[in-house]
PDB file of N, CA and C in Angstrom:
ATOM      1  N   UNK A   1      75.675  90.407 130.360  1.00  0.00           N
ATOM      2  CA  UNK A   1      75.906  91.536 131.195  1.00  0.00           C
ATOM      3  C   UNK A   1      76.770  92.671 130.540  1.00  0.00           C
ATOM      4  N   UNK A   2      76.399  93.833 130.492  1.00  0.00           N
ATOM      5  CA  UNK A   2      77.193  94.945 129.844  1.00  0.00           C
ATOM      6  C   UNK A   2      78.335  95.237 130.869  1.00  0.00           C
ATOM      7  N   UNK A   3      79.399  95.416 130.284  1.00  0.00           N
ATOM      8  CA  UNK A   3      80.591  96.049 130.959  1.00  0.00           C
ATOM      9  C   UNK A   3      80.606  97.579 130.704  1.00  0.00           C
ATOM     10  N   UNK A   4      80.272  98.393 131.733  1.00  0.00           N
ATOM     11  CA  UNK A   4      80.022  99.876 131.512  1.00  0.00           C
ATOM     12  C   UNK A   4      81.309 100.639 131.353  1.00  0.00           C
ATOM     13  N   UNK A   5      82.511  99.813 131.329  1.00  0.00           N
ATOM     14  CA  UNK A   5      83.649 100.643 131.104  1.00  0.00           C
ATOM     15  C   UNK A   5      84.442 100.345 129.718  1.00  0.00           C
ATOM     16  N   UNK A   6      83.728  99.517 129.035  1.00  0.00           N
ATOM     17  CA  UNK A   6      84.467  99.118 127.657  1.00  0.00           C
ATOM     18  C   UNK A   6      83.780  99.913 126.583  1.00  0.00           C
ATOM     19  N   UNK A   7      84.651 100.294 125.610  1.00  0.00           N
ATOM     20  CA  UNK A   7      84.162 100.991 124.405  1.00  0.00           C
ATOM     21  C   UNK A   7      84.505 100.270 123.131  1.00  0.00           C
ATOM     22  N   UNK A   8      83.459 100.165 122.208  1.00  0.00           N
ATOM     23  CA  UNK A   8      83.695  99.550 120.933  1.00  0.00           C
ATOM     24  C   UNK A   8      83.810 100.545 119.936  1.00  0.00           C
ATOM     25  N   UNK A   9      84.850 100.650 119.087  1.00  0.00           N
ATOM     26  CA  UNK A   9      84.976 101.566 117.970  1.00  0.00           C
ATOM     27  C   UNK A   9      84.598 100.854 116.585  1.00  0.00           C
ATOM     28  N   UNK A  10      83.996 101.577 115.864  1.00  0.00           N
ATOM     29  CA  UNK A  10      83.512 100.936 114.425  1.00  0.00           C
ATOM     30  C   UNK A  10      84.101 102.036 113.339  1.00  0.00           C
ATOM     31  N   UNK A  11      84.768 101.375 112.501  1.00  0.00           N
ATOM     32  CA  UNK A  11      85.228 102.174 111.389  1.00  0.00           C
ATOM     33  C   UNK A  11      84.714 101.513 110.119  1.00  0.00           C
ATOM     34  N   UNK A  12      84.055 102.189 109.197  1.00  0.00           N
ATOM     35  CA  UNK A  12      83.480 101.739 108.011  1.00  0.00           C
ATOM     36  C   UNK A  12      84.157 102.269 106.810  1.00  0.00           C
ATOM     37  N   UNK A  13      84.633 101.594 105.950  1.00  0.00           N
ATOM     38  CA  UNK A  13      85.218 102.148 104.704  1.00  0.00           C
ATOM     39  C   UNK A  13      85.482 101.092 103.685  1.00  0.00           C
ATOM     40  N   UNK A  14      85.641 101.625 102.388  1.00  0.00           N
ATOM     41  CA  UNK A  14      85.980 100.504 101.385  1.00  0.00           C
ATOM     42  C   UNK A  14      87.536 100.286 101.379  1.00  0.00           C
ATOM     43  N   UNK A  15      88.280 101.179 101.885  1.00  0.00           N
ATOM     44  CA  UNK A  15      89.829 101.126 101.936  1.00  0.00           C
ATOM     45  C   UNK A  15      90.441 100.707 100.660  1.00  0.00           C
ATOM     46  N   UNK A  16      89.939 101.519  99.557  1.00  0.00           N
ATOM     47  CA  UNK A  16      90.527 101.298  98.301  1.00  0.00           C
ATOM     48  C   UNK A  16      91.213 102.382  97.788  1.00  0.00           C
ATOM     49  N   UNK A  17      92.444 102.675  98.210  1.00  0.00           N
ATOM     50  CA  UNK A  17      93.328 101.850  99.110  1.00  0.00           C
ATOM     51  C   UNK A  17      93.175 102.320 100.482  1.00  0.00           C
ATOM     52  N   UNK A  18      93.972 101.569 101.336  1.00  0.00           N
ATOM     53  CA  UNK A  18      94.198 101.936 102.752  1.00  0.00           C
ATOM     54  C   UNK A  18      95.153 103.207 102.711  1.00  0.00           C
ATOM     55  N   UNK A  19      94.616 104.421 103.023  1.00  0.00           N
ATOM     56  CA  UNK A  19      95.514 105.596 102.863  1.00  0.00           C
ATOM     57  C   UNK A  19      95.847 106.121 104.078  1.00  0.00           C
ATOM     58  N   UNK A  20      96.538 107.178 104.134  1.00  0.00           N
ATOM     59  CA  UNK A  20      97.144 107.809 105.437  1.00  0.00           C
ATOM     60  C   UNK A  20      95.870 108.193 106.346  1.00  0.00           C
ATOM     61  N   UNK A  21      94.862 108.808 105.743  1.00  0.00           N
ATOM     62  CA  UNK A  21      93.709 109.212 106.483  1.00  0.00           C
ATOM     63  C   UNK A  21      93.069 107.980 107.181  1.00  0.00           C
ATOM     64  N   UNK A  22      92.967 106.888 106.601  1.00  0.00           N
ATOM     65  CA  UNK A  22      92.410 105.672 107.188  1.00  0.00           C
ATOM     66  C   UNK A  22      93.267 105.276 108.406  1.00  0.00           C
ATOM     67  N   UNK A  23      94.628 105.325 108.158  1.00  0.00           N
ATOM     68  CA  UNK A  23      95.570 104.839 109.128  1.00  0.00           C
ATOM     69  C   UNK A  23      95.444 105.636 110.310  1.00  0.00           C
ATOM     70  N   UNK A  24      95.302 107.025 110.218  1.00  0.00           N
ATOM     71  CA  UNK A  24      95.318 107.854 111.196  1.00  0.00           C
ATOM     72  C   UNK A  24      93.940 107.681 112.013  1.00  0.00           C
ATOM     73  N   UNK A  25      92.897 107.608 111.396  1.00  0.00           N
ATOM     74  CA  UNK A  25      91.641 107.271 112.143  1.00  0.00           C
ATOM     75  C   UNK A  25      91.751 105.956 112.936  1.00  0.00           C
ATOM     76  N   UNK A  26      92.325 104.934 112.258  1.00  0.00           N
ATOM     77  CA  UNK A  26      92.510 103.634 113.016  1.00  0.00           C
ATOM     78  C   UNK A  26      93.377 103.860 114.324  1.00  0.00           C
ATOM     79  N   UNK A  27      94.432 104.568 114.169  1.00  0.00           N
ATOM     80  CA  UNK A  27      95.426 104.925 115.372  1.00  0.00           C
ATOM     81  C   UNK A  27      94.587 105.650 116.469  1.00  0.00           C
ATOM     82  N   UNK A  28      93.874 106.701 116.016  1.00  0.00           N
ATOM     83  CA  UNK A  28      93.069 107.496 117.047  1.00  0.00           C
ATOM     84  C   UNK A  28      92.017 106.606 117.696  1.00  0.00           C
ATOM     85  N   UNK A  29      91.370 105.888 116.855  1.00  0.00           N
ATOM     86  CA  UNK A  29      90.203 105.080 117.492  1.00  0.00           C
ATOM     87  C   UNK A  29      90.727 104.127 118.329  1.00  0.00           C
ATOM     88  N   UNK A  30      91.909 103.474 118.065  1.00  0.00           N
ATOM     89  CA  UNK A  30      92.425 102.363 118.934  1.00  0.00           C
ATOM     90  C   UNK A  30      92.918 102.935 120.362  1.00  0.00           C
ATOM     91  N   UNK A  31      93.115 104.239 120.407  1.00  0.00           N
ATOM     92  CA  UNK A  31      93.574 105.000 121.641  1.00  0.00           C
ATOM     93  C   UNK A  31      92.244 105.255 122.489  1.00  0.00           C
ATOM     94  N   UNK A  32      91.150 105.261 121.867  1.00  0.00           N
ATOM     95  CA  UNK A  32      89.977 105.642 122.537  1.00  0.00           C
ATOM     96  C   UNK A  32      89.045 104.314 122.955  1.00  0.00           C
ATOM     97  N   UNK A  33      89.355 103.224 122.157  1.00  0.00           N
ATOM     98  CA  UNK A  33      88.495 102.108 122.449  1.00  0.00           C
ATOM     99  C   UNK A  33      89.085 100.867 122.822  1.00  0.00           C
ATOM    100  N   UNK A  34      88.462  99.891 123.348  1.00  0.00           N
ATOM    101  CA  UNK A  34      89.015  98.664 124.008  1.00  0.00           C
ATOM    102  C   UNK A  34      89.009  97.780 122.895  1.00  0.00           C
ATOM    103  N   UNK A  35      88.063  97.689 121.944  1.00  0.00           N
ATOM    104  CA  UNK A  35      88.069  96.845 120.703  1.00  0.00           C
ATOM    105  C   UNK A  35      87.652  97.698 119.523  1.00  0.00           C
ATOM    106  N   UNK A  36      88.261  97.372 118.290  1.00  0.00           N
ATOM    107  CA  UNK A  36      87.898  98.207 117.257  1.00  0.00           C
ATOM    108  C   UNK A  36      87.467  97.133 116.053  1.00  0.00           C
ATOM    109  N   UNK A  37      86.272  97.567 115.491  1.00  0.00           N
ATOM    110  CA  UNK A  37      85.886  96.785 114.253  1.00  0.00           C
ATOM    111  C   UNK A  37      86.091  97.499 113.083  1.00  0.00           C
ATOM    112  N   UNK A  38      86.877  97.071 112.105  1.00  0.00           N
ATOM    113  CA  UNK A  38      87.086  97.663 110.887  1.00  0.00           C
ATOM    114  C   UNK A  38      86.189  96.927 109.759  1.00  0.00           C
ATOM    115  N   UNK A  39      85.151  97.708 109.388  1.00  0.00           N
ATOM    116  CA  UNK A  39      84.234  97.008 108.560  1.00  0.00           C
ATOM    117  C   UNK A  39      84.474  97.515 107.131  1.00  0.00           C
ATOM    118  N   UNK A  40      84.719  96.536 106.326  1.00  0.00           N
ATOM    119  CA  UNK A  40      85.266  96.628 104.930  1.00  0.00           C
ATOM    120  C   UNK A  40      83.994  96.638 103.957  1.00  0.00           C
ATOM    121  N   UNK A  41      83.611  97.731 103.408  1.00  0.00           N
ATOM    122  CA  UNK A  41      82.466  97.699 102.558  1.00  0.00           C
ATOM    123  C   UNK A  41      82.889  97.345 101.112  1.00  0.00           C
ATOM    124  N   UNK A  42      81.913  97.135 100.257  1.00  0.00           N
ATOM    125  CA  UNK A  42      81.853  96.581  98.850  1.00  0.00           C
ATOM    126  C   UNK A  42      82.797  95.217  98.858  1.00  0.00           C
ATOM    127  N   UNK A  43      82.485  94.444  99.757  1.00  0.00           N
ATOM    128  CA  UNK A  43      83.238  93.188  99.906  1.00  0.00           C
ATOM    129  C   UNK A  43      82.685  92.170  98.871  1.00  0.00           C
ATOM    130  N   UNK A  44      81.512  92.343  98.230  1.00  0.00           N
ATOM    131  CA  UNK A  44      80.993  91.357  97.349  1.00  0.00           C
ATOM    132  C   UNK A  44      81.023  91.732  95.904  1.00  0.00           C
ATOM    133  N   UNK A  45      81.694  92.776  95.458  1.00  0.00           N
ATOM    134  CA  UNK A  45      81.704  93.411  94.264  1.00  0.00           C
ATOM    135  C   UNK A  45      83.093  92.905  93.469  1.00  0.00           C
ATOM    136  N   UNK A  46      82.739  92.757  92.262  1.00  0.00           N
ATOM    137  CA  UNK A  46      83.929  92.339  91.291  1.00  0.00           C
ATOM    138  C   UNK A  46      84.845  93.635  91.273  1.00  0.00           C
ATOM    139  N   UNK A  47      86.103  93.334  90.739  1.00  0.00           N
ATOM    140  CA  UNK A  47      86.979  94.396  90.497  1.00  0.00           C
ATOM    141  C   UNK A  47      86.584  95.301  89.451  1.00  0.00           C
ATOM    142  N   UNK A  48      86.711  96.673  89.692  1.00  0.00           N
ATOM    143  CA  UNK A  48      86.313  97.699  88.967  1.00  0.00           C
ATOM    144  C   UNK A  48      87.371  98.789  88.988  1.00  0.00           C
ATOM    145  N   UNK A  49      87.241  99.806  88.216  1.00  0.00           N
ATOM    146  CA  UNK A  49      88.206 101.064  88.387  1.00  0.00           C
ATOM    147  C   UNK A  49      88.001 101.757  89.709  1.00  0.00           C
ATOM    148  N   UNK A  50      86.638 101.779  90.181  1.00  0.00           N
ATOM    149  CA  UNK A  50      86.318 102.222  91.651  1.00  0.00           C
ATOM    150  C   UNK A  50      86.771 101.266  92.595  1.00  0.00           C
ATOM    151  N   UNK A  51      86.668 100.108  92.443  1.00  0.00           N
ATOM    152  CA  UNK A  51      86.984  99.060  93.429  1.00  0.00           C
ATOM    153  C   UNK A  51      88.095  98.015  92.848  1.00  0.00           C
ATOM    154  N   UNK A  52      89.325  98.384  92.806  1.00  0.00           N
ATOM    155  CA  UNK A  52      90.271  97.608  92.109  1.00  0.00           C
ATOM    156  C   UNK A  52      90.815  96.549  92.951  1.00  0.00           C
ATOM    157  N   UNK A  53      90.501  96.376  94.274  1.00  0.00           N
ATOM    158  CA  UNK A  53      91.026  95.352  95.068  1.00  0.00           C
ATOM    159  C   UNK A  53      89.961  94.432  95.641  1.00  0.00           C
ATOM    160  N   UNK A  54      90.113  93.154  95.869  1.00  0.00           N
ATOM    161  CA  UNK A  54      89.199  92.316  96.390  1.00  0.00           C
ATOM    162  C   UNK A  54      89.135  92.566  97.953  1.00  0.00           C
ATOM    163  N   UNK A  55      88.175  92.015  98.752  1.00  0.00           N
ATOM    164  CA  UNK A  55      88.134  92.068  99.947  1.00  0.00           C
ATOM    165  C   UNK A  55      89.405  91.524 100.674  1.00  0.00           C
ATOM    166  N   UNK A  56      89.751  90.304 100.196  1.00  0.00           N
ATOM    167  CA  UNK A  56      90.954  89.605 100.725  1.00  0.00           C
ATOM    168  C   UNK A  56      92.151  90.467 100.601  1.00  0.00           C
ATOM    169  N   UNK A  57      92.339  90.987  99.500  1.00  0.00           N
ATOM    170  CA  UNK A  57      93.435  91.874  99.286  1.00  0.00           C
ATOM    171  C   UNK A  57      93.660  93.158 100.363  1.00  0.00           C
ATOM    172  N   UNK A  58      92.333  93.621 100.444  1.00  0.00           N
ATOM    173  CA  UNK A  58      92.292  94.831 101.338  1.00  0.00           C
ATOM    174  C   UNK A  58      92.432  94.397 102.774  1.00  0.00           C
ATOM    175  N   UNK A  59      91.839  93.155 103.131  1.00  0.00           N
ATOM    176  CA  UNK A  59      91.989  92.757 104.544  1.00  0.00           C
ATOM    177  C   UNK A  59      93.431  92.496 104.827  1.00  0.00           C
ATOM    178  N   UNK A  60      94.158  91.860 103.903  1.00  0.00           N
ATOM    179  CA  UNK A  60      95.478  91.520 104.119  1.00  0.00           C
ATOM    180  C   UNK A  60      96.381  92.863 104.287  1.00  0.00           C
ATOM    181  N   UNK A  61      96.152  93.946 103.478  1.00  0.00           N
ATOM    182  CA  UNK A  61      96.715  95.216 103.634  1.00  0.00           C
ATOM    183  C   UNK A  61      96.397  95.849 105.070  1.00  0.00           C
ATOM    184  N   UNK A  62      95.229  95.751 105.426  1.00  0.00           N
ATOM    185  CA  UNK A  62      94.793  96.387 106.693  1.00  0.00           C
ATOM    186  C   UNK A  62      95.557  95.579 107.876  1.00  0.00           C
ATOM    187  N   UNK A  63      95.480  94.212 107.798  1.00  0.00           N
ATOM    188  CA  UNK A  63      96.200  93.381 108.779  1.00  0.00           C
ATOM    189  C   UNK A  63      97.617  93.710 108.975  1.00  0.00           C
ATOM    190  N   UNK A  64      98.376  93.919 107.833  1.00  0.00           N
ATOM    191  CA  UNK A  64      99.713  94.100 107.812  1.00  0.00           C
ATOM    192  C   UNK A  64      99.889  95.493 108.538  1.00  0.00           C
ATOM    193  N   UNK A  65      99.114  96.409 108.223  1.00  0.00           N
ATOM    194  CA  UNK A  65      99.269  97.585 108.972  1.00  0.00           C
ATOM    195  C   UNK A  65      99.021  97.627 110.482  1.00  0.00           C
ATOM    196  N   UNK A  66      97.977  96.690 110.794  1.00  0.00           N
ATOM    197  CA  UNK A  66      97.843  96.654 112.322  1.00  0.00           C
ATOM    198  C   UNK A  66      98.922  96.003 112.935  1.00  0.00           C
ATOM    199  N   UNK A  67      99.499  95.017 112.222  1.00  0.00           N
ATOM    200  CA  UNK A  67     100.764  94.219 112.706  1.00  0.00           C
ATOM    201  C   UNK A  67     101.960  95.209 112.945  1.00  0.00           C
ATOM    202  N   UNK A  68     102.146  95.979 111.869  1.00  0.00           N
ATOM    203  CA  UNK A  68     103.114  97.061 111.957  1.00  0.00           C
ATOM    204  C   UNK A  68     103.080  97.973 113.195  1.00  0.00           C
ATOM    205  N   UNK A  69     101.760  98.342 113.389  1.00  0.00           N
ATOM    206  CA  UNK A  69     101.350  99.403 114.409  1.00  0.00           C
ATOM    207  C   UNK A  69     101.398  98.640 115.842  1.00  0.00           C
ATOM    208  N   UNK A  70     101.440  97.327 115.830  1.00  0.00           N
ATOM    209  CA  UNK A  70     101.388  96.736 117.142  1.00  0.00           C
ATOM    210  C   UNK A  70      99.931  96.509 117.704  1.00  0.00           C
ATOM    211  N   UNK A  71      99.053  96.600 116.883  1.00  0.00           N
ATOM    212  CA  UNK A  71      97.593  96.219 117.166  1.00  0.00           C
ATOM    213  C   UNK A  71      97.271  94.878 116.913  1.00  0.00           C
ATOM    214  N   UNK A  72      97.212  94.071 117.966  1.00  0.00           N
ATOM    215  CA  UNK A  72      96.981  92.670 117.664  1.00  0.00           C
ATOM    216  C   UNK A  72      95.528  92.355 117.281  1.00  0.00           C
ATOM    217  N   UNK A  73      95.260  91.112 116.713  1.00  0.00           N
ATOM    218  CA  UNK A  73      93.908  90.986 116.018  1.00  0.00           C
ATOM    219  C   UNK A  73      92.918  90.802 117.058  1.00  0.00           C
ATOM    220  N   UNK A  74      93.194  90.460 118.403  1.00  0.00           N
ATOM    221  CA  UNK A  74      92.155  90.421 119.392  1.00  0.00           C
ATOM    222  C   UNK A  74      91.602  91.837 119.716  1.00  0.00           C
ATOM    223  N   UNK A  75      92.363  92.746 119.556  1.00  0.00           N
ATOM    224  CA  UNK A  75      92.008  94.170 119.715  1.00  0.00           C
ATOM    225  C   UNK A  75      91.202  94.756 118.550  1.00  0.00           C
ATOM    226  N   UNK A  76      91.591  94.353 117.282  1.00  0.00           N
ATOM    227  CA  UNK A  76      90.926  94.953 115.934  1.00  0.00           C
ATOM    228  C   UNK A  76      90.532  93.734 115.082  1.00  0.00           C
ATOM    229  N   UNK A  77      89.335  93.866 114.713  1.00  0.00           N
ATOM    230  CA  UNK A  77      88.845  92.862 113.884  1.00  0.00           C
ATOM    231  C   UNK A  77      88.361  93.437 112.476  1.00  0.00           C
ATOM    232  N   UNK A  78      88.732  92.687 111.543  1.00  0.00           N
ATOM    233  CA  UNK A  78      88.382  93.261 110.298  1.00  0.00           C
ATOM    234  C   UNK A  78      87.202  92.373 109.660  1.00  0.00           C
ATOM    235  N   UNK A  79      86.085  92.972 109.287  1.00  0.00           N
ATOM    236  CA  UNK A  79      84.861  92.341 108.943  1.00  0.00           C
ATOM    237  C   UNK A  79      84.412  92.761 107.589  1.00  0.00           C
ATOM    238  N   UNK A  80      84.031  91.907 106.609  1.00  0.00           N
ATOM    239  CA  UNK A  80      83.602  92.212 105.277  1.00  0.00           C
ATOM    240  C   UNK A  80      81.988  92.680 105.522  1.00  0.00           C
ATOM    241  N   UNK A  81      81.601  93.592 104.607  1.00  0.00           N
ATOM    242  CA  UNK A  81      80.150  93.803 104.519  1.00  0.00           C
ATOM    243  C   UNK A  81      79.818  93.996 103.079  1.00  0.00           C
ATOM    244  N   UNK A  82      78.560  93.363 102.733  1.00  0.00           N
ATOM    245  CA  UNK A  82      78.247  93.565 101.313  1.00  0.00           C
ATOM    246  C   UNK A  82      77.696  94.936 101.035  1.00  0.00           C
ATOM    247  N   UNK A  83      77.475  95.211  99.749  1.00  0.00           N
ATOM    248  CA  UNK A  83      76.758  96.327  99.242  1.00  0.00           C
ATOM    249  C   UNK A  83      75.482  95.831  98.726  1.00  0.00           C
ATOM    250  N   UNK A  84      74.406  96.644  98.885  1.00  0.00           N
ATOM    251  CA  UNK A  84      73.114  96.362  98.346  1.00  0.00           C
ATOM    252  C   UNK A  84      72.640  97.450  97.438  1.00  0.00           C
ATOM    253  N   UNK A  85      72.785  97.177  96.183  1.00  0.00           N
ATOM    254  CA  UNK A  85      72.486  98.214  95.137  1.00  0.00           C
ATOM    255  C   UNK A  85      71.097  98.971  95.497  1.00  0.00           C
ATOM    256  N   UNK A  86      70.065  98.371  95.889  1.00  0.00           N
ATOM    257  CA  UNK A  86      68.789  98.918  96.103  1.00  0.00           C
ATOM    258  C   UNK A  86      68.257  98.936  97.503  1.00  0.00           C
ATOM    259  N   UNK A  87      69.165  98.660  98.474  1.00  0.00           N
ATOM    260  CA  UNK A  87      68.639  98.657  99.892  1.00  0.00           C
ATOM    261  C   UNK A  87      69.620  99.239 100.894  1.00  0.00           C
ATOM    262  N   UNK A  88      69.699 100.561 101.075  1.00  0.00           N
ATOM    263  CA  UNK A  88      70.364 101.059 102.038  1.00  0.00           C
ATOM    264  C   UNK A  88      70.061 100.397 103.465  1.00  0.00           C
ATOM    265  N   UNK A  89      68.720 100.178 103.662  1.00  0.00           N
ATOM    266  CA  UNK A  89      68.147  99.728 104.960  1.00  0.00           C
ATOM    267  C   UNK A  89      68.838  98.402 105.204  1.00  0.00           C
ATOM    268  N   UNK A  90      69.047  97.500 104.181  1.00  0.00           N
ATOM    269  CA  UNK A  90      69.650  96.072 104.527  1.00  0.00           C
ATOM    270  C   UNK A  90      71.066  96.415 104.958  1.00  0.00           C
ATOM    271  N   UNK A  91      71.752  97.235 104.313  1.00  0.00           N
ATOM    272  CA  UNK A  91      73.160  97.518 104.728  1.00  0.00           C
ATOM    273  C   UNK A  91      73.169  98.164 106.144  1.00  0.00           C
ATOM    274  N   UNK A  92      72.362  99.011 106.445  1.00  0.00           N
ATOM    275  CA  UNK A  92      72.372  99.524 107.850  1.00  0.00           C
ATOM    276  C   UNK A  92      72.143  98.316 108.851  1.00  0.00           C
ATOM    277  N   UNK A  93      71.188  97.471 108.529  1.00  0.00           N
ATOM    278  CA  UNK A  93      70.792  96.380 109.410  1.00  0.00           C
ATOM    279  C   UNK A  93      72.063  95.493 109.578  1.00  0.00           C
ATOM    280  N   UNK A  94      72.855  95.366 108.511  1.00  0.00           N
ATOM    281  CA  UNK A  94      74.050  94.564 108.605  1.00  0.00           C
ATOM    282  C   UNK A  94      75.055  95.108 109.518  1.00  0.00           C
ATOM    283  N   UNK A  95      75.203  96.462 109.504  1.00  0.00           N
ATOM    284  CA  UNK A  95      76.125  97.220 110.258  1.00  0.00           C
ATOM    285  C   UNK A  95      75.737  97.010 111.806  1.00  0.00           C
ATOM    286  N   UNK A  96      74.439  97.118 111.937  1.00  0.00           N
ATOM    287  CA  UNK A  96      73.948  97.093 113.300  1.00  0.00           C
ATOM    288  C   UNK A  96      74.100  95.616 113.826  1.00  0.00           C
ATOM    289  N   UNK A  97      73.940  94.586 112.996  1.00  0.00           N
ATOM    290  CA  UNK A  97      74.039  93.276 113.431  1.00  0.00           C
ATOM    291  C   UNK A  97      75.616  93.071 113.719  1.00  0.00           C
ATOM    292  N   UNK A  98      76.483  93.472 113.148  1.00  0.00           N
ATOM    293  CA  UNK A  98      77.797  93.421 113.427  1.00  0.00           C
ATOM    294  C   UNK A  98      78.079  94.079 114.754  1.00  0.00           C
ATOM    295  N   UNK A  99      77.610  95.176 115.054  1.00  0.00           N
ATOM    296  CA  UNK A  99      77.730  95.851 116.221  1.00  0.00           C
ATOM    297  C   UNK A  99      77.064  95.206 117.411  1.00  0.00           C
ATOM    298  N   UNK A 100      75.939  94.582 117.200  1.00  0.00           N
ATOM    299  CA  UNK A 100      75.133  93.882 118.186  1.00  0.00           C
ATOM    300  C   UNK A 100      75.946  92.635 118.610  1.00  0.00           C
ATOM    301  N   UNK A 101      76.743  92.111 117.754  1.00  0.00           N
ATOM    302  CA  UNK A 101      77.415  90.866 118.098  1.00  0.00           C
ATOM    303  C   UNK A 101      78.466  91.183 119.320  1.00  0.00           C
ATOM    304  N   UNK A 102      78.569  92.323 119.562  1.00  0.00           N
ATOM    305  CA  UNK A 102      79.601  92.885 120.598  1.00  0.00           C
ATOM    306  C   UNK A 102      78.669  93.578 121.702  1.00  0.00           C
ATOM    307  N   UNK A 103      77.659  93.009 122.192  1.00  0.00           N
ATOM    308  CA  UNK A 103      76.786  93.608 123.089  1.00  0.00           C
ATOM    309  C   UNK A 103      77.349  94.010 124.423  1.00  0.00           C
ATOM    310  N   UNK A 104      78.561  93.276 124.820  1.00  0.00           N
ATOM    311  CA  UNK A 104      79.083  93.587 126.099  1.00  0.00           C
ATOM    312  C   UNK A 104      79.635  95.052 126.178  1.00  0.00           C
ATOM    313  N   UNK A 105      79.965  95.579 125.019  1.00  0.00           N
ATOM    314  CA  UNK A 105      80.431  96.980 124.996  1.00  0.00           C
ATOM    315  C   UNK A 105      79.213  97.987 125.095  1.00  0.00           C
ATOM    316  N   UNK A 106      79.214  98.619 126.277  1.00  0.00           N
ATOM    317  CA  UNK A 106      78.115  99.694 126.408  1.00  0.00           C
ATOM    318  C   UNK A 106      78.264 100.757 125.565  1.00  0.00           C
ATOM    319  N   UNK A 107      79.383 101.312 125.376  1.00  0.00           N
ATOM    320  CA  UNK A 107      79.504 102.495 124.494  1.00  0.00           C
ATOM    321  C   UNK A 107      80.037 102.074 123.154  1.00  0.00           C
ATOM    322  N   UNK A 108      79.434 102.556 122.025  1.00  0.00           N
ATOM    323  CA  UNK A 108      79.900 102.318 120.792  1.00  0.00           C
ATOM    324  C   UNK A 108      80.169 103.604 120.025  1.00  0.00           C
ATOM    325  N   UNK A 109      81.242 103.644 119.391  1.00  0.00           N
ATOM    326  CA  UNK A 109      81.686 104.913 118.746  1.00  0.00           C
ATOM    327  C   UNK A 109      81.874 104.640 117.165  1.00  0.00           C
ATOM    328  N   UNK A 110      81.231 105.437 116.371  1.00  0.00           N
ATOM    329  CA  UNK A 110      81.474 105.288 114.880  1.00  0.00           C
ATOM    330  C   UNK A 110      82.556 106.409 114.414  1.00  0.00           C
ATOM    331  N   UNK A 111      83.673 105.990 113.972  1.00  0.00           N
ATOM    332  CA  UNK A 111      84.595 106.821 113.606  1.00  0.00           C
ATOM    333  C   UNK A 111      84.597 107.023 111.906  1.00  0.00           C
ATOM    334  N   UNK A 112      84.940 108.196 111.382  1.00  0.00           N
ATOM    335  CA  UNK A 112      84.887 108.431 110.020  1.00  0.00           C
ATOM    336  C   UNK A 112      85.124 109.803 109.868  1.00  0.00           C
ATOM    337  N   UNK A 113      85.171 110.223 108.586  1.00  0.00           N
ATOM    338  CA  UNK A 113      85.385 111.612 108.164  1.00  0.00           C
ATOM    339  C   UNK A 113      84.137 112.066 107.502  1.00  0.00           C
ATOM    340  N   UNK A 114      83.621 113.157 108.178  1.00  0.00           N
ATOM    341  CA  UNK A 114      82.308 113.613 107.508  1.00  0.00           C
ATOM    342  C   UNK A 114      82.609 114.492 106.348  1.00  0.00           C
ATOM    343  N   UNK A 115      82.268 113.845 105.133  1.00  0.00           N
ATOM    344  CA  UNK A 115      82.473 114.404 103.960  1.00  0.00           C
ATOM    345  C   UNK A 115      81.401 114.052 102.989  1.00  0.00           C
ATOM    346  N   UNK A 116      81.206 114.934 101.809  1.00  0.00           N
ATOM    347  CA  UNK A 116      80.127 114.573 100.807  1.00  0.00           C
ATOM    348  C   UNK A 116      80.239 113.085 100.406  1.00  0.00           C
ATOM    349  N   UNK A 117      79.137 112.297 100.384  1.00  0.00           N
ATOM    350  CA  UNK A 117      79.136 111.057 100.090  1.00  0.00           C
ATOM    351  C   UNK A 117      79.305 110.134 101.138  1.00  0.00           C
ATOM    352  N   UNK A 118      79.467 110.557 102.451  1.00  0.00           N
ATOM    353  CA  UNK A 118      79.590 109.824 103.550  1.00  0.00           C
ATOM    354  C   UNK A 118      78.404 109.871 104.411  1.00  0.00           C
ATOM    355  N   UNK A 119      77.211 109.943 103.808  1.00  0.00           N
ATOM    356  CA  UNK A 119      75.943 110.070 104.566  1.00  0.00           C
ATOM    357  C   UNK A 119      75.605 108.971 105.583  1.00  0.00           C
ATOM    358  N   UNK A 120      76.301 107.897 105.284  1.00  0.00           N
ATOM    359  CA  UNK A 120      76.012 106.638 106.287  1.00  0.00           C
ATOM    360  C   UNK A 120      76.473 107.083 107.662  1.00  0.00           C
ATOM    361  N   UNK A 121      77.435 107.951 107.871  1.00  0.00           N
ATOM    362  CA  UNK A 121      77.798 108.346 109.099  1.00  0.00           C
ATOM    363  C   UNK A 121      76.812 108.802 110.059  1.00  0.00           C
ATOM    364  N   UNK A 122      75.621 109.492 109.364  1.00  0.00           N
ATOM    365  CA  UNK A 122      74.477 110.012 110.110  1.00  0.00           C
ATOM    366  C   UNK A 122      73.399 108.991 110.278  1.00  0.00           C
ATOM    367  N   UNK A 123      73.606 107.800 109.721  1.00  0.00           N
ATOM    368  CA  UNK A 123      72.538 106.768 109.817  1.00  0.00           C
ATOM    369  C   UNK A 123      72.498 105.953 111.029  1.00  0.00           C
ATOM    370  N   UNK A 124      73.348 106.250 111.979  1.00  0.00           N
ATOM    371  CA  UNK A 124      73.561 105.568 113.188  1.00  0.00           C
ATOM    372  C   UNK A 124      73.658 106.492 114.349  1.00  0.00           C
ATOM    373  N   UNK A 125      72.562 107.212 114.696  1.00  0.00           N
ATOM    374  CA  UNK A 125      72.614 108.096 115.741  1.00  0.00           C
ATOM    375  C   UNK A 125      72.701 107.428 117.263  1.00  0.00           C
ATOM    376  N   UNK A 126      72.521 106.028 117.157  1.00  0.00           N
ATOM    377  CA  UNK A 126      72.537 105.320 118.548  1.00  0.00           C
ATOM    378  C   UNK A 126      74.173 105.156 118.874  1.00  0.00           C
ATOM    379  N   UNK A 127      74.933 105.431 118.014  1.00  0.00           N
ATOM    380  CA  UNK A 127      76.399 105.511 118.271  1.00  0.00           C
ATOM    381  C   UNK A 127      77.014 106.767 118.475  1.00  0.00           C
ATOM    382  N   UNK A 128      77.994 106.895 119.247  1.00  0.00           N
ATOM    383  CA  UNK A 128      78.787 108.214 119.169  1.00  0.00           C
ATOM    384  C   UNK A 128      79.398 108.418 117.975  1.00  0.00           C
ATOM    385  N   UNK A 129      79.895 109.535 117.684  1.00  0.00           N
ATOM    386  CA  UNK A 129      80.594 109.885 116.450  1.00  0.00           C
ATOM    387  C   UNK A 129      81.848 110.563 116.813  1.00  0.00           C
TER     388      UNK A 129
END
């Protein structure tokens, strides 16, 4: 049964590193949502110049920030997501599957900064932005 009063927030990023812009989006999203999913991309790739930190390292930094901000883990969940070099469709299906695991939330909002290279923000018209 859907709860028509609850809102699920979804933030997708690589968080390489977690910077002030990410922190501000997380703070704002938490004020507007009952639960927040922080989806960490590029979780299956080896260290590179572009991706210097592992998923575990990024998760720990995000969790430390949530703890400092007083956002407990029940309200914010950090979830890894893989990259698919040749399949944006599979990546989109993975994001939708993550969101669908929280089906009791009627309203779903995707948070992000609309900039060049963030085309994925337009790939989920079923969510608010």
